[in-house]
Amino acid sequence: MKTLTARRRHVLALVANGNTNAQIGRLLGIHERTVNRHLAEIFQVLGARDRANAVAIALVVGELSPQHIHMPTEEAVA
């Protein structure tokens, strides 16, 4: 299986933490269209059908680890 680039792994970690494409673009200083392209490549490499499936597959195959995912604080949820 082909592996993800470090940038795409970073994008997927941000997805795993609940960020939208617009938020990811702002955090990384890239255009939202670039985030969309990264996600399309991530889906293709992993054989994923959507964001949640990509995160699940990435965890199973070792592209992401549980340490990449942070539980929201009560303040963030409220």
N, C-alpha and C. Protein backbone atom coordinates (compact mmCIF):
# COMPACT_ATOMS: atom_id res chain seq x y z
N MET A 1 0.84 -1.19 0.00
CA MET A 1 0.00 0.00 0.00
C MET A 1 0.89 1.25 0.00
N LYS A 2 0.48 2.22 -0.78
CA LYS A 2 1.16 3.51 -0.81
C LYS A 2 0.93 4.22 0.53
N THR A 3 1.91 5.00 0.97
CA THR A 3 1.77 5.70 2.25
C THR A 3 1.46 7.18 2.01
N LEU A 4 0.97 7.82 3.05
CA LEU A 4 0.64 9.24 2.99
C LEU A 4 1.90 10.08 3.18
N THR A 5 1.92 11.25 2.55
CA THR A 5 2.99 12.19 2.82
C THR A 5 2.78 12.76 4.22
N ALA A 6 3.82 13.37 4.75
CA ALA A 6 3.72 13.98 6.08
C ALA A 6 2.63 15.04 6.09
N ARG A 7 2.52 15.84 5.01
CA ARG A 7 1.51 16.89 4.95
C ARG A 7 0.11 16.30 4.95
N ARG A 8 -0.10 15.25 4.17
CA ARG A 8 -1.43 14.63 4.12
C ARG A 8 -1.76 13.94 5.43
N ARG A 9 -0.76 13.38 6.09
CA ARG A 9 -0.99 12.79 7.41
C ARG A 9 -1.40 13.88 8.40
N HIS A 10 -0.78 15.06 8.29
CA HIS A 10 -1.13 16.19 9.16
C HIS A 10 -2.57 16.63 8.89
N VAL A 11 -2.94 16.74 7.61
CA VAL A 11 -4.31 17.09 7.25
C VAL A 11 -5.29 16.08 7.84
N LEU A 12 -4.97 14.79 7.72
CA LEU A 12 -5.87 13.76 8.24
C LEU A 12 -5.97 13.83 9.76
N ALA A 13 -4.88 14.14 10.44
CA ALA A 13 -4.93 14.31 11.90
C ALA A 13 -5.84 15.46 12.27
N LEU A 14 -5.80 16.53 11.50
CA LEU A 14 -6.69 17.66 11.77
C LEU A 14 -8.15 17.28 11.50
N VAL A 15 -8.38 16.47 10.47
CA VAL A 15 -9.73 15.94 10.22
C VAL A 15 -10.17 15.09 11.40
N ALA A 16 -9.29 14.23 11.89
CA ALA A 16 -9.62 13.33 13.00
C ALA A 16 -10.00 14.11 14.26
N ASN A 17 -9.53 15.33 14.35
CA ASN A 17 -9.84 16.17 15.51
C ASN A 17 -11.03 17.08 15.27
N GLY A 18 -11.79 16.80 14.20
CA GLY A 18 -13.06 17.48 13.99
C GLY A 18 -13.01 18.80 13.25
N ASN A 19 -11.88 19.14 12.64
CA ASN A 19 -11.78 20.40 11.90
C ASN A 19 -12.43 20.29 10.53
N THR A 20 -13.05 21.38 10.10
CA THR A 20 -13.61 21.46 8.76
C THR A 20 -12.48 21.75 7.78
N ASN A 21 -12.78 21.61 6.49
CA ASN A 21 -11.78 21.93 5.47
C ASN A 21 -11.35 23.39 5.56
N ALA A 22 -12.29 24.29 5.81
CA ALA A 22 -11.97 25.71 5.94
C ALA A 22 -11.05 25.94 7.14
N GLN A 23 -11.34 25.29 8.25
CA GLN A 23 -10.49 25.44 9.44
C GLN A 23 -9.09 24.89 9.18
N ILE A 24 -9.01 23.75 8.52
CA ILE A 24 -7.70 23.16 8.21
C ILE A 24 -6.91 24.11 7.31
N GLY A 25 -7.58 24.67 6.32
CA GLY A 25 -6.91 25.62 5.44
C GLY A 25 -6.33 26.79 6.22
N ARG A 26 -7.12 27.35 7.13
CA ARG A 26 -6.64 28.48 7.94
C ARG A 26 -5.47 28.06 8.83
N LEU A 27 -5.58 26.90 9.46
CA LEU A 27 -4.52 26.43 10.35
C LEU A 27 -3.20 26.20 9.61
N LEU A 28 -3.29 25.70 8.39
CA LEU A 28 -2.08 25.38 7.62
C LEU A 28 -1.66 26.48 6.67
N GLY A 29 -2.47 27.52 6.55
CA GLY A 29 -2.14 28.61 5.65
C GLY A 29 -2.24 28.22 4.18
N ILE A 30 -3.20 27.34 3.88
CA ILE A 30 -3.41 26.91 2.50
C ILE A 30 -4.88 27.14 2.13
N HIS A 31 -5.16 27.15 0.85
CA HIS A 31 -6.52 27.36 0.37
C HIS A 31 -7.37 26.11 0.64
N GLU A 32 -8.64 26.33 0.86
CA GLU A 32 -9.56 25.22 1.10
C GLU A 32 -9.56 24.22 -0.07
N ARG A 33 -9.37 24.70 -1.29
CA ARG A 33 -9.29 23.79 -2.45
C ARG A 33 -8.09 22.85 -2.33
N THR A 34 -7.01 23.36 -1.76
CA THR A 34 -5.82 22.51 -1.55
C THR A 34 -6.12 21.44 -0.52
N VAL A 35 -6.86 21.79 0.52
CA VAL A 35 -7.28 20.81 1.51
C VAL A 35 -8.13 19.73 0.83
N ASN A 36 -9.04 20.15 -0.04
CA ASN A 36 -9.89 19.20 -0.77
C ASN A 36 -9.03 18.24 -1.61
N ARG A 37 -7.99 18.77 -2.26
CA ARG A 37 -7.11 17.92 -3.07
C ARG A 37 -6.36 16.93 -2.18
N HIS A 38 -5.87 17.41 -1.05
CA HIS A 38 -5.20 16.50 -0.11
C HIS A 38 -6.15 15.40 0.33
N LEU A 39 -7.38 15.74 0.66
CA LEU A 39 -8.35 14.74 1.10
C LEU A 39 -8.67 13.73 0.00
N ALA A 40 -8.79 14.20 -1.22
CA ALA A 40 -9.05 13.28 -2.34
C ALA A 40 -7.91 12.28 -2.47
N GLU A 41 -6.67 12.74 -2.34
CA GLU A 41 -5.51 11.84 -2.41
C GLU A 41 -5.50 10.89 -1.21
N ILE A 42 -5.83 11.39 -0.03
CA ILE A 42 -5.90 10.55 1.17
C ILE A 42 -6.92 9.44 0.96
N PHE A 43 -8.12 9.80 0.47
CA PHE A 43 -9.16 8.81 0.24
C PHE A 43 -8.68 7.75 -0.76
N GLN A 44 -8.02 8.19 -1.82
CA GLN A 44 -7.53 7.27 -2.85
C GLN A 44 -6.47 6.33 -2.28
N VAL A 45 -5.49 6.87 -1.58
CA VAL A 45 -4.41 6.05 -1.03
C VAL A 45 -4.95 5.03 -0.04
N LEU A 46 -5.87 5.45 0.81
CA LEU A 46 -6.39 4.56 1.84
C LEU A 46 -7.57 3.70 1.38
N GLY A 47 -8.15 4.03 0.23
CA GLY A 47 -9.34 3.32 -0.22
C GLY A 47 -10.55 3.67 0.62
N ALA A 48 -10.58 4.90 1.10
CA ALA A 48 -11.65 5.35 1.99
C ALA A 48 -12.78 5.99 1.21
N ARG A 49 -13.98 5.95 1.77
CA ARG A 49 -15.14 6.54 1.10
C ARG A 49 -15.52 7.90 1.67
N ASP A 50 -15.05 8.20 2.90
CA ASP A 50 -15.37 9.49 3.51
C ASP A 50 -14.36 9.79 4.62
N ARG A 51 -14.55 10.92 5.28
CA ARG A 51 -13.59 11.37 6.30
C ARG A 51 -13.46 10.39 7.46
N ALA A 52 -14.58 9.94 7.99
CA ALA A 52 -14.55 9.02 9.13
C ALA A 52 -13.90 7.70 8.74
N ASN A 53 -14.21 7.20 7.56
CA ASN A 53 -13.62 5.96 7.08
C ASN A 53 -12.12 6.12 6.88
N ALA A 54 -11.68 7.27 6.40
CA ALA A 54 -10.25 7.53 6.21
C ALA A 54 -9.52 7.51 7.56
N VAL A 55 -10.10 8.14 8.56
CA VAL A 55 -9.48 8.15 9.89
C VAL A 55 -9.41 6.72 10.44
N ALA A 56 -10.50 5.98 10.32
CA ALA A 56 -10.52 4.61 10.83
C ALA A 56 -9.47 3.74 10.14
N ILE A 57 -9.40 3.81 8.83
CA ILE A 57 -8.41 3.03 8.09
C ILE A 57 -7.00 3.45 8.47
N ALA A 58 -6.77 4.76 8.57
CA ALA A 58 -5.44 5.26 8.92
C ALA A 58 -5.00 4.76 10.29
N LEU A 59 -5.92 4.66 11.23
CA LEU A 59 -5.59 4.13 12.56
C LEU A 59 -5.21 2.65 12.47
N VAL A 60 -5.96 1.90 11.68
CA VAL A 60 -5.71 0.46 11.56
C VAL A 60 -4.37 0.18 10.87
N VAL A 61 -4.06 0.93 9.81
CA VAL A 61 -2.83 0.65 9.05
C VAL A 61 -1.61 1.39 9.58
N GLY A 62 -1.79 2.19 10.62
CA GLY A 62 -0.65 2.86 11.24
C GLY A 62 -0.27 4.20 10.66
N GLU A 63 -1.10 4.78 9.78
CA GLU A 63 -0.82 6.13 9.26
C GLU A 63 -1.10 7.20 10.32
N LEU A 64 -2.02 6.91 11.22
CA LEU A 64 -2.29 7.77 12.38
C LEU A 64 -2.22 6.89 13.61
N SER A 65 -1.91 7.50 14.73
CA SER A 65 -1.96 6.78 15.99
C SER A 65 -2.99 7.46 16.89
N PRO A 66 -3.47 6.77 17.91
CA PRO A 66 -4.44 7.40 18.80
C PRO A 66 -3.94 8.70 19.42
N GLN A 67 -2.63 8.86 19.54
CA GLN A 67 -2.06 10.09 20.09
C GLN A 67 -2.32 11.30 19.20
N HIS A 68 -2.65 11.07 17.93
CA HIS A 68 -2.98 12.18 17.02
C HIS A 68 -4.36 12.76 17.29
N ILE A 69 -5.19 12.02 18.03
CA ILE A 69 -6.57 12.43 18.24
C ILE A 69 -6.74 12.92 19.67
N HIS A 70 -7.28 14.11 19.81
CA HIS A 70 -7.44 14.73 21.12
C HIS A 70 -8.92 14.87 21.45
N MET A 71 -9.26 14.47 22.65
CA MET A 71 -10.64 14.62 23.11
C MET A 71 -10.90 16.11 23.37
N PRO A 72 -12.06 16.59 22.95
CA PRO A 72 -12.37 18.01 23.19
C PRO A 72 -12.56 18.27 24.69
N THR A 73 -12.19 19.47 25.08
CA THR A 73 -12.40 19.86 26.47
C THR A 73 -13.86 20.25 26.66
N GLU A 74 -14.31 20.32 27.90
CA GLU A 74 -15.69 20.71 28.17
C GLU A 74 -15.98 22.10 27.61
N GLU A 75 -14.99 23.00 27.68
CA GLU A 75 -15.19 24.37 27.17
C GLU A 75 -15.42 24.36 25.66
N ALA A 76 -14.72 23.47 24.95
CA ALA A 76 -14.85 23.41 23.50
C ALA A 76 -16.20 22.84 23.10
N VAL A 77 -16.75 21.95 23.92
CA VAL A 77 -18.03 21.30 23.62
C VAL A 77 -19.18 22.24 23.93
N ALA A 78 -19.06 23.04 24.98
CA ALA A 78 -20.16 23.90 25.43
C ALA A 78 -20.42 25.04 24.48
